Amino acid sequence: MARQILLIKLEKPREKKLEQDIHWLCNSFGLSSGRDTENLATKIVIDLLQQISEDEERVSSDKIADSLEVTPSRVNHHVRNLINAGLLYRERRRLHLRGGSLKAAVQEMRKDSERIFDELEEIAEEIDNQVGLKNR
């Protein structure tokens, strides 16, 4: 599965407020920027976390859409981005955080990025060797 991990260095929120922290996290991963003027990605993550904490087995895009009073297609758009980034996975129409918690999901995303960089480094070294460039 292709992963697209975007990292944006943003100043952490000064105050500890749950919604601000989640918004910062989503923005740091580039999940709630650009055309997401309603911060729907952040709202989806907040709702998802609340639902998972209540009953992990019943979280679905449709349930989130109902809770947020938006169309399932809008939720699914953002859920796909969250899955592609590696934060979530879908199993039998149910949504789950990778590793079972937000922290574990971020750790898994870090591992994903390290694997990507390992592959990039390997190919870059092969290219350097083929064109005759030496490493310092």
Foldseek 3Di string as FASTA:
>chain_A
DAADFAADDDDQDPDDDVLSRLLVVCVRRPLQDDPNPVSVLSLLVVVLVVVCVVPQVPAALVVSCVVVVHDSVVSVVSVVNCVRNQQWDDDPRGIAGVVRDNVNSVVVSVVVVVVVVVVVVVVVVVVCVVVVHDDD
